[in-house]
Amino acid sequence: MNIRNRILCVGFFLTTILVIGFTSNAFALNYNVGLKTDEELIWNCHVCDTNKMNNIFGENWSSSGLFENLSQGKRMKWQINTIEENLTSISANINIWMWNNEENRGLYDYNTDFPFLKDPSHYISNYNLSLVIPFLPFWFPVPVDEYLGTLKLSSLYDVDNRVLPTLNIQVNKDFLQPNNPSERILIIAIYNTDGILSSFKLYTSGNVVVVDIELEPLPIYVLPATLGLIGAFFIAIILYVKKQRKNQSIIHQNDKLRIEKNFK
């Protein structure tokens, strides 16, 4: 191969690398936060077999973390304060009222930052989201299905994005320490399109539900306002279309009169 051909080959090779690199960067996903500032989120605990949880994880399982003071019928509330974003990370600062039955909650229990790397591929391989119950966060950056699918999670987790973004978590007996948990458990966690945990269920053998938590839907008073906005939007479109048709009819009629006048 002569020198000219070698130069051409090297040039083609370098150009190909640059094009591939540019293409991958151009099509890289831009992850964002589905949470909104001042938004309030409430989760309801429909089922919590406290005795069973004590047997599986010991009596201190509800003394800290996102399951602090959890029991059936209680609710946990979040209020989103600020959302911060830079080149490498995304973070939400959140006021948390832990699980209780009170309507007038008063001052929040905790103020916490929940950070994520902006690029999920930068997490280490065999990554564990959490090594304490509930073994997962209550929100992810969006699009959540792509974020979960890119994470290189440990064998503890199985991501299922066929219908809704779902994390299946299988925790074997003695995973945390001897006799903790005391038996194998399965967790199924479903996230909505805003990356927020919408359903959490913890099962033991025989598909027995031990914990069932669900994101509370929009308050009743919010729904009419939302539907009203949607209705007003469609009415505005219909009126606009009618106006355009009327204007077109007037223009057509004027053109017809002008043509008739010119031919007289």
C-alpha atoms as a PDB file:
ATOM      1  CA  MET A   1       0.000   0.000   0.000  1.00  0.00           C
ATOM      2  CA  ASN A   2       1.546   3.331  -1.000  1.00  0.00           C
ATOM      3  CA  ILE A   3       1.794   6.375   1.272  1.00  0.00           C
ATOM      4  CA  ARG A   4      -1.201   8.141  -0.313  1.00  0.00           C
ATOM      5  CA  ASN A   5      -3.487   5.155   0.283  1.00  0.00           C
ATOM      6  CA  ARG A   6      -2.260   4.822   3.856  1.00  0.00           C
ATOM      7  CA  ILE A   7      -3.065   8.475   4.547  1.00  0.00           C
ATOM      8  CA  LEU A   8      -6.523   8.027   3.023  1.00  0.00           C
ATOM      9  CA  CYS A   9      -7.184   4.947   5.182  1.00  0.00           C
ATOM     10  CA  VAL A  10      -6.063   6.707   8.367  1.00  0.00           C
ATOM     11  CA  GLY A  11      -8.174   9.749   7.493  1.00  0.00           C
ATOM     12  CA  PHE A  12     -11.233   7.588   6.853  1.00  0.00           C
ATOM     13  CA  PHE A  13     -10.697   5.733  10.156  1.00  0.00           C
ATOM     14  CA  LEU A  14     -10.411   8.953  12.185  1.00  0.00           C
ATOM     15  CA  THR A  15     -13.442  10.456  10.449  1.00  0.00           C
ATOM     16  CA  THR A  16     -15.488   7.349  11.268  1.00  0.00           C
ATOM     17  CA  ILE A  17     -14.530   7.582  14.954  1.00  0.00           C
ATOM     18  CA  LEU A  18     -15.484  11.262  15.060  1.00  0.00           C
ATOM     19  CA  VAL A  19     -18.827  10.599  13.365  1.00  0.00           C
ATOM     20  CA  ILE A  20     -19.656   7.746  15.759  1.00  0.00           C
ATOM     21  CA  GLY A  21     -18.715   9.865  18.761  1.00  0.00           C
ATOM     22  CA  PHE A  22     -20.751  12.815  17.514  1.00  0.00           C
ATOM     23  CA  THR A  23     -23.751  10.602  16.778  1.00  0.00           C
ATOM     24  CA  SER A  24     -23.699   8.962  20.216  1.00  0.00           C
ATOM     25  CA  ASN A  25     -23.506  12.367  21.893  1.00  0.00           C
ATOM     26  CA  ALA A  26     -26.191  13.832  19.683  1.00  0.00           C
ATOM     27  CA  PHE A  27     -28.605  11.047  20.535  1.00  0.00           C
ATOM     28  CA  ALA A  28     -27.695  10.791  24.241  1.00  0.00           C
ATOM     29  CA  LEU A  29     -30.742  11.122  26.451  1.00  0.00           C
ATOM     30  CA  ASN A  30     -31.157  14.250  28.516  1.00  0.00           C
ATOM     31  CA  TYR A  31     -32.468  13.135  31.901  1.00  0.00           C
ATOM     32  CA  ASN A  32     -34.635  15.530  33.889  1.00  0.00           C
ATOM     33  CA  VAL A  33     -36.652  15.727  37.099  1.00  0.00           C
ATOM     34  CA  GLY A  34     -40.327  14.805  36.904  1.00  0.00           C
ATOM     35  CA  LEU A  35     -40.925  16.355  40.336  1.00  0.00           C
ATOM     36  CA  LYS A  36     -42.206  19.940  40.444  1.00  0.00           C
ATOM     37  CA  THR A  37     -41.307  22.671  42.905  1.00  0.00           C
ATOM     38  CA  ASP A  38     -43.948  23.069  45.677  1.00  0.00           C
ATOM     39  CA  GLU A  39     -45.567  19.798  44.607  1.00  0.00           C
ATOM     40  CA  GLU A  40     -46.981  17.648  47.406  1.00  0.00           C
ATOM     41  CA  LEU A  41     -46.903  13.858  47.262  1.00  0.00           C
ATOM     42  CA  ILE A  42     -48.678  11.518  49.659  1.00  0.00           C
ATOM     43  CA  TRP A  43     -48.343   7.755  49.947  1.00  0.00           C
ATOM     44  CA  ASN A  44     -50.926   5.581  51.704  1.00  0.00           C
ATOM     45  CA  CYS A  45     -50.093   2.332  53.474  1.00  0.00           C
ATOM     46  CA  HIS A  46     -52.990  -0.026  52.761  1.00  0.00           C
ATOM     47  CA  VAL A  47     -51.368  -3.125  54.246  1.00  0.00           C
ATOM     48  CA  CYS A  48     -48.591  -3.594  56.785  1.00  0.00           C
ATOM     49  CA  ASP A  49     -48.304  -6.839  58.711  1.00  0.00           C
ATOM     50  CA  THR A  50     -46.150  -5.509  61.529  1.00  0.00           C
ATOM     51  CA  ASN A  51     -45.677  -8.879  63.219  1.00  0.00           C
ATOM     52  CA  LYS A  52     -44.534 -10.457  59.970  1.00  0.00           C
ATOM     53  CA  MET A  53     -42.116  -7.581  59.274  1.00  0.00           C
ATOM     54  CA  ASN A  54     -40.709  -7.968  62.793  1.00  0.00           C
ATOM     55  CA  ASN A  55     -40.131 -11.667  62.123  1.00  0.00           C
ATOM     56  CA  ILE A  56     -38.444 -10.997  58.774  1.00  0.00           C
ATOM     57  CA  PHE A  57     -36.289  -7.936  59.546  1.00  0.00           C
ATOM     58  CA  GLY A  58     -36.227  -7.698  63.327  1.00  0.00           C
ATOM     59  CA  GLU A  59     -38.055  -5.202  65.511  1.00  0.00           C
ATOM     60  CA  ASN A  60     -35.982  -2.177  64.427  1.00  0.00           C
ATOM     61  CA  TRP A  61     -36.954  -2.230  60.734  1.00  0.00           C
ATOM     62  CA  SER A  62     -39.267   0.808  61.146  1.00  0.00           C
ATOM     63  CA  SER A  63     -36.957   2.893  63.333  1.00  0.00           C
ATOM     64  CA  SER A  64     -35.279   4.793  60.463  1.00  0.00           C
ATOM     65  CA  GLY A  65     -35.268   5.362  56.714  1.00  0.00           C
ATOM     66  CA  LEU A  66     -38.329   5.835  54.500  1.00  0.00           C
ATOM     67  CA  PHE A  67     -40.212   3.158  56.448  1.00  0.00           C
ATOM     68  CA  GLU A  68     -39.801   4.943  59.788  1.00  0.00           C
ATOM     69  CA  ASN A  69     -42.979   4.508  61.867  1.00  0.00           C
ATOM     70  CA  LEU A  70     -44.731   2.659  59.019  1.00  0.00           C
ATOM     71  CA  SER A  71     -47.955   0.827  59.821  1.00  0.00           C
ATOM     72  CA  GLN A  72     -51.288   0.126  58.162  1.00  0.00           C
ATOM     73  CA  GLY A  73     -53.500   3.150  57.573  1.00  0.00           C
ATOM     74  CA  LYS A  74     -50.715   5.709  57.909  1.00  0.00           C
ATOM     75  CA  ARG A  75     -49.586   8.224  55.265  1.00  0.00           C
ATOM     76  CA  MET A  76     -46.261   9.804  54.334  1.00  0.00           C
ATOM     77  CA  LYS A  77     -46.100  13.266  52.799  1.00  0.00           C
ATOM     78  CA  TRP A  78     -43.414  14.947  50.691  1.00  0.00           C
ATOM     79  CA  GLN A  79     -43.176  18.611  49.714  1.00  0.00           C
ATOM     80  CA  ILE A  80     -40.720  19.470  46.958  1.00  0.00           C
ATOM     81  CA  ASN A  81     -38.670  22.552  47.898  1.00  0.00           C
ATOM     82  CA  THR A  82     -36.011  23.010  45.235  1.00  0.00           C
ATOM     83  CA  ILE A  83     -34.612  21.134  42.260  1.00  0.00           C
ATOM     84  CA  GLU A  84     -30.953  21.586  41.375  1.00  0.00           C
ATOM     85  CA  GLU A  85     -29.183  20.427  38.255  1.00  0.00           C
ATOM     86  CA  ASN A  86     -25.630  20.683  36.941  1.00  0.00           C
ATOM     87  CA  LEU A  87     -23.555  18.902  34.317  1.00  0.00           C
ATOM     88  CA  THR A  88     -23.182  15.696  36.340  1.00  0.00           C
ATOM     89  CA  SER A  89     -26.011  15.449  38.855  1.00  0.00           C
ATOM     90  CA  ILE A  90     -29.677  16.086  39.585  1.00  0.00           C
ATOM     91  CA  SER A  91     -30.945  16.706  43.108  1.00  0.00           C
ATOM     92  CA  ALA A  92     -34.270  17.451  44.804  1.00  0.00           C
ATOM     93  CA  ASN A  93     -34.562  19.002  48.254  1.00  0.00           C
ATOM     94  CA  ILE A  94     -37.641  17.624  50.011  1.00  0.00           C
ATOM     95  CA  ASN A  95     -39.516  18.159  53.268  1.00  0.00           C
ATOM     96  CA  ILE A  96     -40.747  14.819  54.615  1.00  0.00           C
ATOM     97  CA  TRP A  97     -43.530  14.133  57.086  1.00  0.00           C
ATOM     98  CA  MET A  98     -43.057  10.507  58.091  1.00  0.00           C
ATOM     99  CA  TRP A  99     -45.811   7.934  58.396  1.00  0.00           C
ATOM    100  CA  ASN A 100     -48.655   9.026  60.671  1.00  0.00           C
ATOM    101  CA  ASN A 101     -52.454   9.384  60.851  1.00  0.00           C
ATOM    102  CA  GLU A 102     -52.617  13.112  61.492  1.00  0.00           C
ATOM    103  CA  GLU A 103     -54.237  15.523  59.050  1.00  0.00           C
ATOM    104  CA  ASN A 104     -52.633  18.645  60.543  1.00  0.00           C
ATOM    105  CA  ARG A 105     -49.034  17.515  60.447  1.00  0.00           C
ATOM    106  CA  GLY A 106     -47.274  20.666  61.652  1.00  0.00           C
ATOM    107  CA  LEU A 107     -43.552  21.009  61.081  1.00  0.00           C
ATOM    108  CA  TYR A 108     -41.937  18.405  58.820  1.00  0.00           C
ATOM    109  CA  ASP A 109     -39.838  15.615  60.326  1.00  0.00           C
ATOM    110  CA  TYR A 110     -36.890  15.751  57.929  1.00  0.00           C
ATOM    111  CA  ASN A 111     -35.431  17.950  55.217  1.00  0.00           C
ATOM    112  CA  THR A 112     -33.458  15.761  52.835  1.00  0.00           C
ATOM    113  CA  ASP A 113     -31.596  15.993  49.534  1.00  0.00           C
ATOM    114  CA  PHE A 114     -32.089  13.131  47.076  1.00  0.00           C
ATOM    115  CA  PRO A 115     -29.287  13.263  44.460  1.00  0.00           C
ATOM    116  CA  PHE A 116     -28.801  11.202  41.304  1.00  0.00           C
ATOM    117  CA  LEU A 117     -26.051  11.113  38.709  1.00  0.00           C
ATOM    118  CA  LYS A 118     -27.346  12.702  35.530  1.00  0.00           C
ATOM    119  CA  ASP A 119     -25.933   9.881  33.423  1.00  0.00           C
ATOM    120  CA  PRO A 120     -26.969   6.486  34.859  1.00  0.00           C
ATOM    121  CA  SER A 121     -24.178   4.746  32.949  1.00  0.00           C
ATOM    122  CA  HIS A 122     -21.688   6.445  35.301  1.00  0.00           C
ATOM    123  CA  TYR A 123     -22.822   4.331  38.248  1.00  0.00           C
ATOM    124  CA  ILE A 124     -20.617   1.352  39.062  1.00  0.00           C
ATOM    125  CA  SER A 125     -21.487  -2.145  37.900  1.00  0.00           C
ATOM    126  CA  ASN A 126     -23.433  -4.383  40.298  1.00  0.00           C
ATOM    127  CA  TYR A 127     -24.927  -1.252  41.825  1.00  0.00           C
ATOM    128  CA  ASN A 128     -27.324  -1.548  44.767  1.00  0.00           C
ATOM    129  CA  LEU A 129     -29.839   1.288  45.034  1.00  0.00           C
ATOM    130  CA  SER A 130     -30.105   0.773  48.796  1.00  0.00           C
ATOM    131  CA  LEU A 131     -29.134  -1.862  51.339  1.00  0.00           C
ATOM    132  CA  VAL A 132     -31.868  -0.964  53.818  1.00  0.00           C
ATOM    133  CA  ILE A 133     -35.595  -1.553  53.606  1.00  0.00           C
ATOM    134  CA  PRO A 134     -37.305  -0.635  51.205  1.00  0.00           C
ATOM    135  CA  PHE A 135     -34.170  -1.246  49.022  1.00  0.00           C
ATOM    136  CA  LEU A 136     -35.136   1.467  46.488  1.00  0.00           C
ATOM    137  CA  PRO A 137     -35.749   5.228  46.132  1.00  0.00           C
ATOM    138  CA  PHE A 138     -39.224   6.736  45.921  1.00  0.00           C
ATOM    139  CA  TRP A 139     -38.342   8.640  42.728  1.00  0.00           C
ATOM    140  CA  PHE A 140     -36.015   8.516  39.702  1.00  0.00           C
ATOM    141  CA  PRO A 141     -35.031  10.986  36.962  1.00  0.00           C
ATOM    142  CA  VAL A 142     -37.091  10.806  33.765  1.00  0.00           C
ATOM    143  CA  PRO A 143     -37.558   9.197  31.334  1.00  0.00           C
ATOM    144  CA  VAL A 144     -37.595   6.655  34.139  1.00  0.00           C
ATOM    145  CA  ASP A 145     -37.730   3.562  31.919  1.00  0.00           C
ATOM    146  CA  GLU A 146     -34.548   4.593  30.102  1.00  0.00           C
ATOM    147  CA  TYR A 147     -32.830   5.562  33.357  1.00  0.00           C
ATOM    148  CA  LEU A 148     -33.624   2.219  34.987  1.00  0.00           C
ATOM    149  CA  GLY A 149     -32.690   0.335  31.828  1.00  0.00           C
ATOM    150  CA  THR A 150     -29.253   1.997  31.707  1.00  0.00           C
ATOM    151  CA  LEU A 151     -28.332   1.396  35.353  1.00  0.00           C
ATOM    152  CA  LYS A 152     -25.970  -1.548  35.827  1.00  0.00           C
ATOM    153  CA  LEU A 153     -27.813  -2.945  38.835  1.00  0.00           C
ATOM    154  CA  SER A 154     -26.827  -5.933  40.953  1.00  0.00           C
ATOM    155  CA  SER A 155     -28.538  -9.313  40.712  1.00  0.00           C
ATOM    156  CA  LEU A 156     -30.874  -8.113  43.466  1.00  0.00           C
ATOM    157  CA  TYR A 157     -32.835  -6.160  40.848  1.00  0.00           C
ATOM    158  CA  ASP A 158     -34.696  -6.998  37.669  1.00  0.00           C
ATOM    159  CA  VAL A 159     -35.971  -4.105  35.514  1.00  0.00           C
ATOM    160  CA  ASP A 160     -39.190  -4.673  33.578  1.00  0.00           C
ATOM    161  CA  ASN A 161     -40.209  -1.868  31.177  1.00  0.00           C
ATOM    162  CA  ARG A 162     -42.693  -3.848  29.071  1.00  0.00           C
ATOM    163  CA  VAL A 163     -45.785  -2.035  30.363  1.00  0.00           C
ATOM    164  CA  LEU A 164     -44.887   0.358  33.205  1.00  0.00           C
ATOM    165  CA  PRO A 165     -41.402   1.056  34.607  1.00  0.00           C
ATOM    166  CA  THR A 166     -41.088  -1.684  37.220  1.00  0.00           C
ATOM    167  CA  LEU A 167     -38.411  -2.883  39.610  1.00  0.00           C
ATOM    168  CA  ASN A 168     -38.619  -6.484  40.772  1.00  0.00           C
ATOM    169  CA  ILE A 169     -36.409  -7.039  43.812  1.00  0.00           C
ATOM    170  CA  GLN A 170     -35.663 -10.466  45.218  1.00  0.00           C
ATOM    171  CA  VAL A 171     -33.929 -10.432  48.590  1.00  0.00           C
ATOM    172  CA  ASN A 172     -32.752 -13.841  49.711  1.00  0.00           C
ATOM    173  CA  LYS A 173     -32.630 -15.115  53.272  1.00  0.00           C
ATOM    174  CA  ASP A 174     -29.618 -13.847  55.272  1.00  0.00           C
ATOM    175  CA  PHE A 175     -28.818 -11.226  52.588  1.00  0.00           C
ATOM    176  CA  LEU A 176     -28.214  -8.380  55.049  1.00  0.00           C
ATOM    177  CA  GLN A 177     -26.848 -10.472  57.903  1.00  0.00           C
ATOM    178  CA  PRO A 178     -27.585 -13.861  59.460  1.00  0.00           C
ATOM    179  CA  ASN A 179     -31.358 -14.288  59.819  1.00  0.00           C
ATOM    180  CA  ASN A 180     -31.998 -10.863  58.261  1.00  0.00           C
ATOM    181  CA  PRO A 181     -34.165 -11.266  56.370  1.00  0.00           C
ATOM    182  CA  SER A 182     -35.298 -14.490  57.966  1.00  0.00           C
ATOM    183  CA  GLU A 183     -36.846 -15.655  54.676  1.00  0.00           C
ATOM    184  CA  ARG A 184     -36.809 -14.774  50.995  1.00  0.00           C
ATOM    185  CA  ILE A 185     -38.923 -11.760  50.047  1.00  0.00           C
ATOM    186  CA  LEU A 186     -40.041 -10.254  46.737  1.00  0.00           C
ATOM    187  CA  ILE A 187     -40.702  -6.547  46.126  1.00  0.00           C
ATOM    188  CA  ILE A 188     -42.561  -5.194  43.097  1.00  0.00           C
ATOM    189  CA  ALA A 189     -42.240  -1.410  42.684  1.00  0.00           C
ATOM    190  CA  ILE A 190     -43.976   0.488  39.872  1.00  0.00           C
ATOM    191  CA  TYR A 191     -43.104   4.067  38.846  1.00  0.00           C
ATOM    192  CA  ASN A 192     -45.248   6.567  36.935  1.00  0.00           C
ATOM    193  CA  THR A 193     -44.124   8.679  33.979  1.00  0.00           C
ATOM    194  CA  ASP A 194     -42.878  11.406  36.350  1.00  0.00           C
ATOM    195  CA  GLY A 195     -40.479   8.886  37.904  1.00  0.00           C
ATOM    196  CA  ILE A 196     -42.457   8.754  41.175  1.00  0.00           C
ATOM    197  CA  LEU A 197     -43.102   5.494  42.992  1.00  0.00           C
ATOM    198  CA  SER A 198     -46.791   4.761  42.457  1.00  0.00           C
ATOM    199  CA  SER A 199     -47.036   1.249  43.911  1.00  0.00           C
ATOM    200  CA  PHE A 200     -44.912  -0.803  46.311  1.00  0.00           C
ATOM    201  CA  LYS A 201     -45.746  -4.353  47.349  1.00  0.00           C
ATOM    202  CA  LEU A 202     -43.639  -6.672  49.500  1.00  0.00           C
ATOM    203  CA  TYR A 203     -44.426 -10.389  49.290  1.00  0.00           C
ATOM    204  CA  THR A 204     -43.322 -13.505  51.106  1.00  0.00           C
ATOM    205  CA  SER A 205     -43.622 -17.111  49.946  1.00  0.00           C
ATOM    206  CA  GLY A 206     -47.064 -18.043  48.685  1.00  0.00           C
ATOM    207  CA  ASN A 207     -47.502 -14.496  47.266  1.00  0.00           C
ATOM    208  CA  VAL A 208     -48.651 -13.230  50.660  1.00  0.00           C
ATOM    209  CA  VAL A 209     -48.741  -9.398  50.702  1.00  0.00           C
ATOM    210  CA  VAL A 210     -46.950  -8.079  53.787  1.00  0.00           C
ATOM    211  CA  VAL A 211     -46.680  -4.384  52.801  1.00  0.00           C
ATOM    212  CA  ASP A 212     -48.800  -2.510  50.249  1.00  0.00           C
ATOM    213  CA  ILE A 213     -48.123   1.192  49.642  1.00  0.00           C
ATOM    214  CA  GLU A 214     -49.703   3.366  46.961  1.00  0.00           C
ATOM    215  CA  LEU A 215     -49.238   6.952  45.774  1.00  0.00           C
ATOM    216  CA  GLU A 216     -52.349   8.967  46.576  1.00  0.00           C
ATOM    217  CA  PRO A 217     -54.136  10.306  43.465  1.00  0.00           C
ATOM    218  CA  LEU A 218     -54.838  13.986  42.880  1.00  0.00           C
ATOM    219  CA  PRO A 219     -57.233  15.514  45.429  1.00  0.00           C
ATOM    220  CA  ILE A 220     -60.866  15.739  44.297  1.00  0.00           C
ATOM    221  CA  TYR A 221     -60.778  19.542  44.177  1.00  0.00           C
ATOM    222  CA  VAL A 222     -57.847  19.438  41.737  1.00  0.00           C
ATOM    223  CA  LEU A 223     -59.602  17.218  39.185  1.00  0.00           C
ATOM    224  CA  PRO A 224     -62.381  19.674  38.205  1.00  0.00           C
ATOM    225  CA  ALA A 225     -59.796  22.408  37.708  1.00  0.00           C
ATOM    226  CA  THR A 226     -57.669  20.119  35.549  1.00  0.00           C
ATOM    227  CA  LEU A 227     -60.657  18.938  33.525  1.00  0.00           C
ATOM    228  CA  GLY A 228     -61.806  22.550  33.230  1.00  0.00           C
ATOM    229  CA  LEU A 229     -58.483  23.601  31.758  1.00  0.00           C
ATOM    230  CA  ILE A 230     -58.579  20.720  29.281  1.00  0.00           C
ATOM    231  CA  GLY A 231     -62.185  21.577  28.343  1.00  0.00           C
ATOM    232  CA  ALA A 232     -61.350  25.259  27.894  1.00  0.00           C
ATOM    233  CA  PHE A 233     -58.398  24.298  25.690  1.00  0.00           C
ATOM    234  CA  PHE A 234     -60.588  22.187  23.379  1.00  0.00           C
ATOM    235  CA  ILE A 235     -63.326  24.845  23.291  1.00  0.00           C
ATOM    236  CA  ALA A 236     -60.731  27.426  22.282  1.00  0.00           C
ATOM    237  CA  ILE A 237     -59.565  25.146  19.454  1.00  0.00           C
ATOM    238  CA  ILE A 238     -63.150  24.592  18.238  1.00  0.00           C
ATOM    239  CA  LEU A 239     -63.913  28.350  18.296  1.00  0.00           C
ATOM    240  CA  TYR A 240     -60.670  29.066  16.467  1.00  0.00           C
ATOM    241  CA  VAL A 241     -61.480  26.523  13.742  1.00  0.00           C
ATOM    242  CA  LYS A 242     -65.013  27.938  13.356  1.00  0.00           C
ATOM    243  CA  LYS A 243     -63.636  31.458  13.119  1.00  0.00           C
ATOM    244  CA  GLN A 244     -61.117  30.383  10.497  1.00  0.00           C
ATOM    245  CA  ARG A 245     -63.851  28.693   8.466  1.00  0.00           C
ATOM    246  CA  LYS A 246     -66.055  31.783   8.724  1.00  0.00           C
ATOM    247  CA  ASN A 247     -63.186  34.000   7.602  1.00  0.00           C
ATOM    248  CA  GLN A 248     -62.475  31.675   4.699  1.00  0.00           C
ATOM    249  CA  SER A 249     -66.169  31.784   3.719  1.00  0.00           C
ATOM    250  CA  ILE A 250     -66.198  35.594   3.796  1.00  0.00           C
ATOM    251  CA  ILE A 251     -63.006  35.754   1.747  1.00  0.00           C
ATOM    252  CA  HIS A 252     -64.429  33.270  -0.749  1.00  0.00           C
ATOM    253  CA  GLN A 253     -67.666  35.263  -1.031  1.00  0.00           C
ATOM    254  CA  ASN A 254     -65.788  38.539  -1.528  1.00  0.00           C
ATOM    255  CA  ASP A 255     -63.618  36.951  -4.197  1.00  0.00           C
ATOM    256  CA  LYS A 256     -66.730  35.665  -5.966  1.00  0.00           C
ATOM    257  CA  LEU A 257     -68.346  39.131  -5.951  1.00  0.00           C
ATOM    258  CA  ARG A 258     -65.118  40.701  -7.174  1.00  0.00           C
ATOM    259  CA  ILE A 259     -64.902  38.221 -10.031  1.00  0.00           C
ATOM    260  CA  GLU A 260     -68.553  38.768 -11.001  1.00  0.00           C
ATOM    261  CA  LYS A 261     -68.034  42.519 -10.916  1.00  0.00           C
ATOM    262  CA  ASN A 262     -64.981  42.293 -13.198  1.00  0.00           C
ATOM    263  CA  PHE A 263     -66.886  40.234 -15.740  1.00  0.00           C
ATOM    264  CA  LYS A 264     -69.862  42.620 -15.981  1.00  0.00           C
END
